[in-house]
C-alpha atoms as a PDB file:
ATOM      1  CA  UNK A   1      12.999  -7.207  13.428  1.00  0.00           C
ATOM      2  CA  UNK A   2      11.662  -5.864   9.951  1.00  0.00           C
ATOM      3  CA  UNK A   3       8.495  -3.848  10.720  1.00  0.00           C
ATOM      4  CA  UNK A   4       5.343  -2.025   8.711  1.00  0.00           C
ATOM      5  CA  UNK A   5       3.400   1.141   9.709  1.00  0.00           C
ATOM      6  CA  UNK A   6       0.614   2.792   8.141  1.00  0.00           C
ATOM      7  CA  UNK A   7       1.439   6.390   8.777  1.00  0.00           C
ATOM      8  CA  UNK A   8      -2.088   7.686   6.611  1.00  0.00           C
ATOM      9  CA  UNK A   9      -4.686   5.918   4.713  1.00  0.00           C
ATOM     10  CA  UNK A  10      -7.900   7.580   2.907  1.00  0.00           C
ATOM     11  CA  UNK A  11      -8.489   9.535   0.046  1.00  0.00           C
ATOM     12  CA  UNK A  12      -6.771  12.591   1.820  1.00  0.00           C
ATOM     13  CA  UNK A  13      -3.281  10.930   1.451  1.00  0.00           C
ATOM     14  CA  UNK A  14      -2.047   7.798   1.874  1.00  0.00           C
ATOM     15  CA  UNK A  15       1.533   6.714   2.768  1.00  0.00           C
ATOM     16  CA  UNK A  16       3.234   3.623   4.865  1.00  0.00           C
ATOM     17  CA  UNK A  17       6.396   3.119   6.042  1.00  0.00           C
ATOM     18  CA  UNK A  18       8.783  -0.311   5.700  1.00  0.00           C
ATOM     19  CA  UNK A  19      11.966  -0.737   8.276  1.00  0.00           C
ATOM     20  CA  UNK A  20      14.468  -3.365   7.178  1.00  0.00           C
ATOM     21  CA  UNK A  21      17.966  -3.921   8.515  1.00  0.00           C
ATOM     22  CA  UNK A  22      18.532  -0.298   8.187  1.00  0.00           C
ATOM     23  CA  UNK A  23      16.962   0.557   5.370  1.00  0.00           C
ATOM     24  CA  UNK A  24      13.658   2.550   4.984  1.00  0.00           C
ATOM     25  CA  UNK A  25      11.124   2.537   2.615  1.00  0.00           C
ATOM     26  CA  UNK A  26       7.849   4.864   2.024  1.00  0.00           C
ATOM     27  CA  UNK A  27       5.365   3.329   0.026  1.00  0.00           C
ATOM     28  CA  UNK A  28       3.394   6.109  -1.371  1.00  0.00           C
ATOM     29  CA  UNK A  29       4.202   9.993  -0.561  1.00  0.00           C
ATOM     30  CA  UNK A  30       0.842  11.126  -0.526  1.00  0.00           C
ATOM     31  CA  UNK A  31       1.187  13.506   2.670  1.00  0.00           C
ATOM     32  CA  UNK A  32       3.135  16.712   2.861  1.00  0.00           C
ATOM     33  CA  UNK A  33       6.823  16.918   4.584  1.00  0.00           C
ATOM     34  CA  UNK A  34       5.663  18.947   7.485  1.00  0.00           C
ATOM     35  CA  UNK A  35       2.571  15.786   8.279  1.00  0.00           C
ATOM     36  CA  UNK A  36       4.925  13.482   6.455  1.00  0.00           C
ATOM     37  CA  UNK A  37       7.614  14.240   9.431  1.00  0.00           C
ATOM     38  CA  UNK A  38       5.120  14.429  12.282  1.00  0.00           C
ATOM     39  CA  UNK A  39       3.667  10.613  11.349  1.00  0.00           C
ATOM     40  CA  UNK A  40       7.486   9.490  11.374  1.00  0.00           C
ATOM     41  CA  UNK A  41       8.214  11.245  14.629  1.00  0.00           C
ATOM     42  CA  UNK A  42       5.171   9.498  15.904  1.00  0.00           C
ATOM     43  CA  UNK A  43       6.050   6.194  15.064  1.00  0.00           C
ATOM     44  CA  UNK A  44      10.120   7.187  16.472  1.00  0.00           C
ATOM     45  CA  UNK A  45      11.256   7.744  13.018  1.00  0.00           C
ATOM     46  CA  UNK A  46      12.232  10.740  10.969  1.00  0.00           C
ATOM     47  CA  UNK A  47      13.118  11.432   7.289  1.00  0.00           C
ATOM     48  CA  UNK A  48      16.809  10.500   7.908  1.00  0.00           C
ATOM     49  CA  UNK A  49      15.221   6.854   7.710  1.00  0.00           C
ATOM     50  CA  UNK A  50      13.777   7.029   4.624  1.00  0.00           C
ATOM     51  CA  UNK A  51      16.056   5.363   2.323  1.00  0.00           C
ATOM     52  CA  UNK A  52      13.727   5.182  -0.709  1.00  0.00           C
ATOM     53  CA  UNK A  53      10.013   5.958  -1.870  1.00  0.00           C
ATOM     54  CA  UNK A  54       7.571   3.382  -3.947  1.00  0.00           C
ATOM     55  CA  UNK A  55       4.836   4.514  -6.134  1.00  0.00           C
ATOM     56  CA  UNK A  56       2.117   2.363  -6.514  1.00  0.00           C
ATOM     57  CA  UNK A  57       0.301   5.285  -8.940  1.00  0.00           C
ATOM     58  CA  UNK A  58       0.077   8.922 -10.219  1.00  0.00           C
ATOM     59  CA  UNK A  59      -3.785   9.590  -8.031  1.00  0.00           C
ATOM     60  CA  UNK A  60      -2.437  13.283  -6.007  1.00  0.00           C
ATOM     61  CA  UNK A  61      -3.138  10.918  -2.810  1.00  0.00           C
ATOM     62  CA  UNK A  62      -0.508   9.209  -3.482  1.00  0.00           C
ATOM     63  CA  UNK A  63       1.772  11.648  -3.809  1.00  0.00           C
ATOM     64  CA  UNK A  64       2.333  15.284  -3.197  1.00  0.00           C
ATOM     65  CA  UNK A  65       4.946  17.627  -4.970  1.00  0.00           C
ATOM     66  CA  UNK A  66       6.082  19.105  -2.355  1.00  0.00           C
ATOM     67  CA  UNK A  67       7.131  15.621  -0.506  1.00  0.00           C
ATOM     68  CA  UNK A  68       8.932  14.717  -3.977  1.00  0.00           C
ATOM     69  CA  UNK A  69      10.905  18.102  -3.298  1.00  0.00           C
ATOM     70  CA  UNK A  70      11.772  17.220   0.096  1.00  0.00           C
ATOM     71  CA  UNK A  71      13.469  13.371  -1.315  1.00  0.00           C
ATOM     72  CA  UNK A  72      15.280  15.770  -3.634  1.00  0.00           C
ATOM     73  CA  UNK A  73      16.698  17.570  -0.697  1.00  0.00           C
ATOM     74  CA  UNK A  74      17.699  14.511   1.302  1.00  0.00           C
ATOM     75  CA  UNK A  75      18.747  12.667  -2.323  1.00  0.00           C
ATOM     76  CA  UNK A  76      16.537  10.001  -1.404  1.00  0.00           C
ATOM     77  CA  UNK A  77      15.688   8.035  -4.508  1.00  0.00           C
ATOM     78  CA  UNK A  78      11.996   7.401  -6.254  1.00  0.00           C
ATOM     79  CA  UNK A  79      11.063   3.910  -7.917  1.00  0.00           C
ATOM     80  CA  UNK A  80       7.873   4.213 -10.229  1.00  0.00           C
ATOM     81  CA  UNK A  81       6.578   2.356 -13.494  1.00  0.00           C
ATOM     82  CA  UNK A  82       8.586   4.002 -16.575  1.00  0.00           C
ATOM     83  CA  UNK A  83       4.178   4.613 -17.232  1.00  0.00           C
ATOM     84  CA  UNK A  84       4.413   7.514 -14.934  1.00  0.00           C
ATOM     85  CA  UNK A  85       7.073   9.447 -16.204  1.00  0.00           C
ATOM     86  CA  UNK A  86       5.168  11.748 -18.630  1.00  0.00           C
ATOM     87  CA  UNK A  87       2.414  12.290 -15.866  1.00  0.00           C
ATOM     88  CA  UNK A  88       4.580  13.412 -13.251  1.00  0.00           C
ATOM     89  CA  UNK A  89       6.653  15.091 -15.408  1.00  0.00           C
ATOM     90  CA  UNK A  90       3.993  17.535 -16.537  1.00  0.00           C
ATOM     91  CA  UNK A  91       2.258  17.568 -12.980  1.00  0.00           C
ATOM     92  CA  UNK A  92       5.347  17.773 -10.658  1.00  0.00           C
ATOM     93  CA  UNK A  93       8.154  20.468 -10.958  1.00  0.00           C
ATOM     94  CA  UNK A  94      10.072  18.392  -8.131  1.00  0.00           C
ATOM     95  CA  UNK A  95       9.878  15.441 -10.145  1.00  0.00           C
ATOM     96  CA  UNK A  96      11.803  16.740 -13.083  1.00  0.00           C
ATOM     97  CA  UNK A  97      14.301  17.938  -9.871  1.00  0.00           C
ATOM     98  CA  UNK A  98      14.675  14.222  -8.481  1.00  0.00           C
ATOM     99  CA  UNK A  99      14.907  13.151 -12.451  1.00  0.00           C
ATOM    100  CA  UNK A 100      18.214  15.787 -13.127  1.00  0.00           C
ATOM    101  CA  UNK A 101      19.403  15.001 -10.084  1.00  0.00           C
ATOM    102  CA  UNK A 102      19.383  11.157 -10.733  1.00  0.00           C
ATOM    103  CA  UNK A 103      17.206  10.101  -7.925  1.00  0.00           C
ATOM    104  CA  UNK A 104      14.573   8.250 -10.333  1.00  0.00           C
ATOM    105  CA  UNK A 105      14.597   4.749 -10.382  1.00  0.00           C
ATOM    106  CA  UNK A 106      12.062   2.988 -13.168  1.00  0.00           C
ATOM    107  CA  UNK A 107      10.216  -0.945 -12.744  1.00  0.00           C
ATOM    108  CA  UNK A 108       8.442  -2.944 -14.752  1.00  0.00           C
ATOM    109  CA  UNK A 109       5.560  -4.768 -14.495  1.00  0.00           C
ATOM    110  CA  UNK A 110       5.607  -8.415 -13.191  1.00  0.00           C
ATOM    111  CA  UNK A 111       9.439  -7.831 -12.977  1.00  0.00           C
ATOM    112  CA  UNK A 112      11.451  -8.149  -9.368  1.00  0.00           C
ATOM    113  CA  UNK A 113      13.792  -5.689  -8.556  1.00  0.00           C
ATOM    114  CA  UNK A 114      15.500  -5.491  -5.731  1.00  0.00           C
ATOM    115  CA  UNK A 115      16.347  -2.038  -3.597  1.00  0.00           C
ATOM    116  CA  UNK A 116      20.254  -1.953  -2.340  1.00  0.00           C
ATOM    117  CA  UNK A 117      19.406  -3.322   1.157  1.00  0.00           C
ATOM    118  CA  UNK A 118      18.468  -6.789  -1.254  1.00  0.00           C
ATOM    119  CA  UNK A 119      14.789  -6.172  -0.622  1.00  0.00           C
ATOM    120  CA  UNK A 120      12.961  -7.630  -3.157  1.00  0.00           C
ATOM    121  CA  UNK A 121       9.860  -6.635  -4.662  1.00  0.00           C
ATOM    122  CA  UNK A 122       7.695  -7.716  -7.089  1.00  0.00           C
ATOM    123  CA  UNK A 123       5.188  -5.324  -9.006  1.00  0.00           C
ATOM    124  CA  UNK A 124       1.803  -6.476 -10.112  1.00  0.00           C
ATOM    125  CA  UNK A 125      -0.487  -4.750 -12.202  1.00  0.00           C
ATOM    126  CA  UNK A 126      -3.617  -4.029 -10.805  1.00  0.00           C
ATOM    127  CA  UNK A 127      -7.029  -2.203 -12.369  1.00  0.00           C
ATOM    128  CA  UNK A 128      -8.102   0.970 -11.050  1.00  0.00           C
ATOM    129  CA  UNK A 129      -8.850   4.206 -13.157  1.00  0.00           C
ATOM    130  CA  UNK A 130      -5.187   5.499 -12.533  1.00  0.00           C
ATOM    131  CA  UNK A 131      -3.374   3.439 -15.218  1.00  0.00           C
ATOM    132  CA  UNK A 132      -0.559   1.839 -14.108  1.00  0.00           C
ATOM    133  CA  UNK A 133      -1.692   1.188 -10.748  1.00  0.00           C
ATOM    134  CA  UNK A 134       0.546  -1.515  -8.966  1.00  0.00           C
ATOM    135  CA  UNK A 135       0.393  -3.664  -5.566  1.00  0.00           C
ATOM    136  CA  UNK A 136       3.542  -4.779  -4.416  1.00  0.00           C
ATOM    137  CA  UNK A 137       4.932  -8.032  -2.830  1.00  0.00           C
ATOM    138  CA  UNK A 138       7.970  -7.060  -1.052  1.00  0.00           C
ATOM    139  CA  UNK A 139      10.392  -9.624   0.203  1.00  0.00           C
ATOM    140  CA  UNK A 140      13.641  -9.789   3.350  1.00  0.00           C
ATOM    141  CA  UNK A 141      16.133 -12.133   2.437  1.00  0.00           C
ATOM    142  CA  UNK A 142      17.003 -14.911   4.711  1.00  0.00           C
ATOM    143  CA  UNK A 143      18.871 -14.030   8.096  1.00  0.00           C
ATOM    144  CA  UNK A 144      21.422 -16.118   9.790  1.00  0.00           C
ATOM    145  CA  UNK A 145      18.515 -18.237  11.100  1.00  0.00           C
ATOM    146  CA  UNK A 146      17.443 -18.863   7.769  1.00  0.00           C
ATOM    147  CA  UNK A 147      14.089 -16.937   8.346  1.00  0.00           C
ATOM    148  CA  UNK A 148      12.610 -14.653   5.472  1.00  0.00           C
ATOM    149  CA  UNK A 149       9.112 -12.513   5.500  1.00  0.00           C
ATOM    150  CA  UNK A 150       6.759 -11.223   3.082  1.00  0.00           C
ATOM    151  CA  UNK A 151       4.329  -7.906   2.751  1.00  0.00           C
ATOM    152  CA  UNK A 152       1.655  -8.152   0.109  1.00  0.00           C
ATOM    153  CA  UNK A 153       0.091  -4.454  -0.311  1.00  0.00           C
ATOM    154  CA  UNK A 154      -2.740  -3.578  -2.835  1.00  0.00           C
ATOM    155  CA  UNK A 155      -4.402  -0.071  -1.672  1.00  0.00           C
ATOM    156  CA  UNK A 156      -6.556   0.871  -4.695  1.00  0.00           C
ATOM    157  CA  UNK A 157      -8.051  -1.333  -7.482  1.00  0.00           C
ATOM    158  CA  UNK A 158     -11.550  -2.204  -8.525  1.00  0.00           C
ATOM    159  CA  UNK A 159     -10.999  -6.276  -8.625  1.00  0.00           C
ATOM    160  CA  UNK A 160      -8.756  -8.477  -7.502  1.00  0.00           C
ATOM    161  CA  UNK A 161      -7.408 -10.725 -10.673  1.00  0.00           C
ATOM    162  CA  UNK A 162      -5.813 -14.090  -9.699  1.00  0.00           C
ATOM    163  CA  UNK A 163      -2.671 -12.807 -10.754  1.00  0.00           C
ATOM    164  CA  UNK A 164      -2.691 -10.789  -7.783  1.00  0.00           C
ATOM    165  CA  UNK A 165      -3.915 -13.846  -5.327  1.00  0.00           C
ATOM    166  CA  UNK A 166      -0.764 -16.013  -7.293  1.00  0.00           C
ATOM    167  CA  UNK A 167       1.617 -13.002  -6.207  1.00  0.00           C
ATOM    168  CA  UNK A 168       0.843 -12.639  -2.733  1.00  0.00           C
ATOM    169  CA  UNK A 169       0.424 -16.278  -1.774  1.00  0.00           C
ATOM    170  CA  UNK A 170       1.936 -17.264   1.558  1.00  0.00           C
ATOM    171  CA  UNK A 171       2.537 -13.114   2.251  1.00  0.00           C
ATOM    172  CA  UNK A 172       3.214 -12.631   6.688  1.00  0.00           C
ATOM    173  CA  UNK A 173       1.565  -9.721   6.229  1.00  0.00           C
ATOM    174  CA  UNK A 174      -1.321  -8.488   3.785  1.00  0.00           C
ATOM    175  CA  UNK A 175      -2.411  -4.659   3.404  1.00  0.00           C
ATOM    176  CA  UNK A 176      -5.370  -4.651   1.611  1.00  0.00           C
ATOM    177  CA  UNK A 177      -7.835  -2.012   0.671  1.00  0.00           C
ATOM    178  CA  UNK A 178     -11.621  -2.396   2.202  1.00  0.00           C
ATOM    179  CA  UNK A 179     -12.849   1.172   0.782  1.00  0.00           C
ATOM    180  CA  UNK A 180     -16.714   1.047   0.878  1.00  0.00           C
ATOM    181  CA  UNK A 181     -19.859  -0.941   1.798  1.00  0.00           C
ATOM    182  CA  UNK A 182     -21.591  -1.052  -1.019  1.00  0.00           C
ATOM    183  CA  UNK A 183     -25.565   0.130   0.368  1.00  0.00           C
ATOM    184  CA  UNK A 184     -23.932   3.140   1.432  1.00  0.00           C
ATOM    185  CA  UNK A 185     -22.355   3.907  -1.367  1.00  0.00           C
ATOM    186  CA  UNK A 186     -25.193   3.525  -3.692  1.00  0.00           C
ATOM    187  CA  UNK A 187     -27.224   5.466  -1.467  1.00  0.00           C
ATOM    188  CA  UNK A 188     -24.477   8.364  -0.422  1.00  0.00           C
ATOM    189  CA  UNK A 189     -26.502  11.036  -2.380  1.00  0.00           C
ATOM    190  CA  UNK A 190     -22.795  11.263  -4.545  1.00  0.00           C
ATOM    191  CA  UNK A 191     -23.412  12.014  -8.934  1.00  0.00           C
ATOM    192  CA  UNK A 192     -24.450   8.620 -10.196  1.00  0.00           C
ATOM    193  CA  UNK A 193     -20.978   8.992 -12.162  1.00  0.00           C
ATOM    194  CA  UNK A 194     -18.890   8.751  -9.115  1.00  0.00           C
ATOM    195  CA  UNK A 195     -21.118   5.840  -7.621  1.00  0.00           C
ATOM    196  CA  UNK A 196     -20.539   3.862 -10.911  1.00  0.00           C
ATOM    197  CA  UNK A 197     -16.568   4.565 -10.869  1.00  0.00           C
ATOM    198  CA  UNK A 198     -16.119   3.444  -6.943  1.00  0.00           C
ATOM    199  CA  UNK A 199     -18.625   0.109  -7.585  1.00  0.00           C
ATOM    200  CA  UNK A 200     -16.510  -0.473 -11.055  1.00  0.00           C
ATOM    201  CA  UNK A 201     -14.135  -3.375 -12.164  1.00  0.00           C
ATOM    202  CA  UNK A 202     -11.277  -0.337 -11.985  1.00  0.00           C
ATOM    203  CA  UNK A 203     -12.940   1.831  -9.075  1.00  0.00           C
ATOM    204  CA  UNK A 204     -12.074   0.093  -5.125  1.00  0.00           C
ATOM    205  CA  UNK A 205     -12.233  -3.088  -3.710  1.00  0.00           C
ATOM    206  CA  UNK A 206     -15.258  -2.929  -1.201  1.00  0.00           C
ATOM    207  CA  UNK A 207     -16.123  -4.476   1.853  1.00  0.00           C
ATOM    208  CA  UNK A 208     -17.364  -7.802   0.519  1.00  0.00           C
ATOM    209  CA  UNK A 209     -14.746  -7.839  -2.485  1.00  0.00           C
ATOM    210  CA  UNK A 210     -11.576  -7.234   0.298  1.00  0.00           C
ATOM    211  CA  UNK A 211     -13.385 -10.331   2.408  1.00  0.00           C
ATOM    212  CA  UNK A 212     -13.612 -12.499  -0.903  1.00  0.00           C
ATOM    213  CA  UNK A 213      -9.687 -11.401  -1.531  1.00  0.00           C
ATOM    214  CA  UNK A 214      -8.976 -12.363   1.928  1.00  0.00           C
ATOM    215  CA  UNK A 215     -10.719 -15.679   1.646  1.00  0.00           C
ATOM    216  CA  UNK A 216      -9.385 -16.449  -1.634  1.00  0.00           C
ATOM    217  CA  UNK A 217      -5.454 -15.729  -0.505  1.00  0.00           C
ATOM    218  CA  UNK A 218      -5.940 -17.814   2.211  1.00  0.00           C
ATOM    219  CA  UNK A 219      -7.224 -20.800   0.517  1.00  0.00           C
ATOM    220  CA  UNK A 220      -4.412 -20.394  -1.675  1.00  0.00           C
ATOM    221  CA  UNK A 221      -1.767 -20.069   0.946  1.00  0.00           C
ATOM    222  CA  UNK A 222       0.360 -22.428   3.312  1.00  0.00           C
ATOM    223  CA  UNK A 223      -2.132 -22.609   6.931  1.00  0.00           C
ATOM    224  CA  UNK A 224      -0.134 -20.420   9.372  1.00  0.00           C
ATOM    225  CA  UNK A 225       1.724 -18.045   6.859  1.00  0.00           C
ATOM    226  CA  UNK A 226      -0.484 -14.879   7.379  1.00  0.00           C
ATOM    227  CA  UNK A 227       0.031 -13.365  10.323  1.00  0.00           C
ATOM    228  CA  UNK A 228      -1.725  -9.648  10.108  1.00  0.00           C
ATOM    229  CA  UNK A 229      -4.212  -8.183   7.610  1.00  0.00           C
ATOM    230  CA  UNK A 230      -4.053  -4.508   7.275  1.00  0.00           C
ATOM    231  CA  UNK A 231      -7.122  -2.815   6.048  1.00  0.00           C
ATOM    232  CA  UNK A 232      -6.424   0.439   4.101  1.00  0.00           C
ATOM    233  CA  UNK A 233      -7.944   3.501   2.379  1.00  0.00           C
ATOM    234  CA  UNK A 234     -11.979   3.175   4.054  1.00  0.00           C
ATOM    235  CA  UNK A 235     -14.007   5.824   2.548  1.00  0.00           C
ATOM    236  CA  UNK A 236     -15.035   8.264   4.873  1.00  0.00           C
ATOM    237  CA  UNK A 237     -18.488   8.514   3.898  1.00  0.00           C
ATOM    238  CA  UNK A 238     -19.562   5.682   2.529  1.00  0.00           C
ATOM    239  CA  UNK A 239     -18.264   2.965   4.913  1.00  0.00           C
ATOM    240  CA  UNK A 240     -17.150   2.510   8.555  1.00  0.00           C
ATOM    241  CA  UNK A 241     -14.281   0.984  10.421  1.00  0.00           C
ATOM    242  CA  UNK A 242     -16.791  -1.701  12.169  1.00  0.00           C
ATOM    243  CA  UNK A 243     -18.512  -2.663   8.712  1.00  0.00           C
ATOM    244  CA  UNK A 244     -15.040  -3.268   7.700  1.00  0.00           C
ATOM    245  CA  UNK A 245     -13.689  -5.053  10.150  1.00  0.00           C
ATOM    246  CA  UNK A 246     -17.108  -7.445  10.680  1.00  0.00           C
ATOM    247  CA  UNK A 247     -16.944  -8.698   6.632  1.00  0.00           C
ATOM    248  CA  UNK A 248     -12.726  -9.116   7.322  1.00  0.00           C
ATOM    249  CA  UNK A 249     -13.550 -11.403  10.693  1.00  0.00           C
ATOM    250  CA  UNK A 250     -16.300 -12.968   8.681  1.00  0.00           C
ATOM    251  CA  UNK A 251     -13.492 -14.729   7.268  1.00  0.00           C
ATOM    252  CA  UNK A 252     -10.968 -14.763   9.473  1.00  0.00           C
ATOM    253  CA  UNK A 253     -13.021 -16.140  12.330  1.00  0.00           C
ATOM    254  CA  UNK A 254     -13.633 -19.458   9.939  1.00  0.00           C
ATOM    255  CA  UNK A 255      -9.669 -19.994   9.951  1.00  0.00           C
ATOM    256  CA  UNK A 256      -8.016 -22.061  12.993  1.00  0.00           C
ATOM    257  CA  UNK A 257      -4.775 -20.060  13.643  1.00  0.00           C
ATOM    258  CA  UNK A 258      -4.938 -16.248  14.996  1.00  0.00           C
ATOM    259  CA  UNK A 259      -4.825 -13.487  12.734  1.00  0.00           C
ATOM    260  CA  UNK A 260      -4.434 -10.373  14.007  1.00  0.00           C
ATOM    261  CA  UNK A 261      -6.910  -7.178  11.908  1.00  0.00           C
ATOM    262  CA  UNK A 262      -5.413  -3.604  11.837  1.00  0.00           C
ATOM    263  CA  UNK A 263      -8.007  -0.740  10.483  1.00  0.00           C
ATOM    264  CA  UNK A 264      -5.592   1.923   8.715  1.00  0.00           C
ATOM    265  CA  UNK A 265      -6.818   5.942   9.864  1.00  0.00           C
ATOM    266  CA  UNK A 266      -6.188   8.639   8.061  1.00  0.00           C
ATOM    267  CA  UNK A 267      -5.243  10.878  10.819  1.00  0.00           C
ATOM    268  CA  UNK A 268      -2.957   8.496  13.002  1.00  0.00           C
ATOM    269  CA  UNK A 269      -0.416   5.878  12.332  1.00  0.00           C
ATOM    270  CA  UNK A 270      -0.953   2.119  13.133  1.00  0.00           C
ATOM    271  CA  UNK A 271       1.070   0.582  15.447  1.00  0.00           C
ATOM    272  CA  UNK A 272       4.067  -0.840  14.312  1.00  0.00           C
ATOM    273  CA  UNK A 273       3.726  -4.655  12.770  1.00  0.00           C
ATOM    274  CA  UNK A 274       6.500  -7.167  12.821  1.00  0.00           C
ATOM    275  CA  UNK A 275       7.105  -9.011   9.717  1.00  0.00           C
ATOM    276  CA  UNK A 276       8.579 -12.330  10.108  1.00  0.00           C
ATOM    277  CA  UNK A 277       7.378 -15.769   8.758  1.00  0.00           C
END
């Protein structure tokens, strides 16, 4: 059974883990190798279960040089957009080591590609102030019974374009940023430049924006396809789990079928989420 976990989510570091048919995909590597090993152990896994890493963007809460170095040691390939190469080559000695070892794989926006186990990935460009940034639709191939599954993952974005709704239609699991409460952000006492950045179209999704995105996706999808919603990247200072959950539940309570809500945390992994239609 394919399963998904958030290992860490927030401004101090982000990492998710997807396992299907013996293939383990780490989405982002924004925590150090010791903490990553600890989080994997907490879900009964280890670095030996990591078959590949997929990078959303180059903000440093989504990758760590020491973790890239561990990928090189374990011969684990890194998948990232070609627009990430120059920044990572300048910023990360371990990235250059990965590239010299032929362990860097490039992808292009809006062009599907497959991992070695026929796991299919569609990178979707999204607005964020680290250009380029991607959301991903990840799909498993049909099993013996013809069943398939799909995951939509969007961790950092200032707005949800219609192309994202189209790409995520009928996913079984939606992992979506619920970063901040807008009023808390405005009253945070942070520098106005930072507030404007977060609230802008290339910043982060608020609870209200994320709930609207969830609503739009449900309207665009077949009834009953979405089983789980995972809230990502909650701000430590400008959000509260109860506020993010209330925003999502206001949408989910109007749906006539059960959807399980999960709120990812910085300090502990989520429980296993089964990916199935």
